[in-house]
C-alpha cells in the first residue's frame, strides 16, 4: 500500500531541475534529446544507447566518441 495515496511522492517534492546549479548547456540539452529519442525508439540497454549516440555524431564533452565507461562518467558528473 502506498502511504501517499495515488501520488508517488509526498508533497512538496523536488522537481528535477530545482537541484541544478545552472541552466543546462546546449551540449547537455542535445544529450538529453538524444537519450529521450533513443528511449522512444526502444533502445533500453547501455550498449545500444552508446551506439546510437555515436551514430548520431554526438560526442562527449571532451569531444570523444562515447563508450559505456565515458557515458557512466559523464552521467556521474552531471548528477552531482
Protein backbone atom coordinates (compact mmCIF):
# COMPACT_ATOMS: atom_id res chain seq x y z
CA UNK A 1 0.00 0.00 0.00
CA UNK A 2 1.25 3.47 -0.91
CA UNK A 3 1.14 5.74 2.17
CA UNK A 4 0.83 8.77 -0.13
CA UNK A 5 -2.36 7.66 -1.85
CA UNK A 6 -2.31 7.99 -5.61
CA UNK A 7 0.82 10.14 -5.56
CA UNK A 8 4.28 8.62 -5.85
CA UNK A 9 5.99 11.24 -3.65
CA UNK A 10 4.86 13.25 -0.65
CA UNK A 11 4.12 16.95 -1.11
CA UNK A 12 6.17 19.03 -1.62
CA UNK A 13 8.58 17.09 -3.78
CA UNK A 14 11.55 18.42 -5.65
CA UNK A 15 11.30 18.96 -9.38
CA UNK A 16 14.42 17.59 -11.14
CA UNK A 17 15.59 21.00 -12.33
CA UNK A 18 15.28 22.55 -8.87
CA UNK A 19 18.53 20.81 -7.92
CA UNK A 20 20.50 22.26 -10.83
CA UNK A 21 23.14 24.88 -10.07
CA UNK A 22 22.97 26.38 -13.56
CA UNK A 23 20.79 26.07 -16.65
CA UNK A 24 21.68 23.11 -18.89
CA UNK A 25 24.23 23.81 -21.61
CA UNK A 26 23.47 23.31 -25.29
CA UNK A 27 25.53 20.09 -25.19
CA UNK A 28 23.57 18.81 -22.17
CA UNK A 29 20.29 19.59 -23.93
CA UNK A 30 21.49 17.79 -27.08
CA UNK A 31 22.49 14.77 -25.00
CA UNK A 32 19.13 14.75 -23.20
CA UNK A 33 17.25 14.95 -26.51
CA UNK A 34 19.29 12.09 -27.96
CA UNK A 35 18.70 9.92 -24.89
CA UNK A 36 14.95 10.62 -24.99
CA UNK A 37 14.84 9.78 -28.71
CA UNK A 38 16.73 6.54 -28.10
CA UNK A 39 14.30 5.51 -25.36
CA UNK A 40 11.35 6.39 -27.59
CA UNK A 41 12.86 4.17 -30.31
CA UNK A 42 13.04 1.25 -27.87
CA UNK A 43 16.74 1.42 -27.04
CA UNK A 44 16.96 0.43 -23.37
CA UNK A 45 20.44 -1.05 -22.94
CA UNK A 46 23.63 0.95 -22.40
CA UNK A 47 25.46 -0.61 -25.34
CA UNK A 48 22.60 0.31 -27.67
CA UNK A 49 22.38 3.83 -26.28
CA UNK A 50 26.13 4.42 -26.71
CA UNK A 51 25.96 3.06 -30.26
CA UNK A 52 23.08 5.38 -31.08
CA UNK A 53 24.84 8.44 -29.63
CA UNK A 54 27.88 7.67 -31.78
CA UNK A 55 25.75 7.02 -34.88
CA UNK A 56 24.13 10.44 -34.43
CA UNK A 57 27.59 12.03 -34.30
CA UNK A 58 27.13 13.23 -30.72
CA UNK A 59 30.41 13.43 -28.80
CA UNK A 60 31.34 13.55 -25.13
CA UNK A 61 32.06 16.96 -23.56
CA UNK A 62 35.75 16.21 -24.27
CA UNK A 63 34.94 15.68 -27.96
CA UNK A 64 35.49 11.90 -27.88
CA UNK A 65 33.24 9.12 -29.16
CA UNK A 66 31.01 7.60 -26.49
CA UNK A 67 31.92 4.40 -24.69
CA UNK A 68 30.00 2.81 -21.84
CA UNK A 69 32.65 3.99 -19.37
CA UNK A 70 32.57 7.56 -20.72
CA UNK A 71 28.78 7.59 -20.56
CA UNK A 72 28.86 6.49 -16.90
CA UNK A 73 31.49 9.14 -16.11
CA UNK A 74 29.52 11.93 -17.77
CA UNK A 75 26.27 10.88 -16.07
CA UNK A 76 28.03 10.76 -12.68
CA UNK A 77 29.42 14.25 -13.24
CA UNK A 78 26.06 15.64 -14.35
CA UNK A 79 24.35 14.03 -11.36
CA UNK A 80 26.44 15.89 -8.80
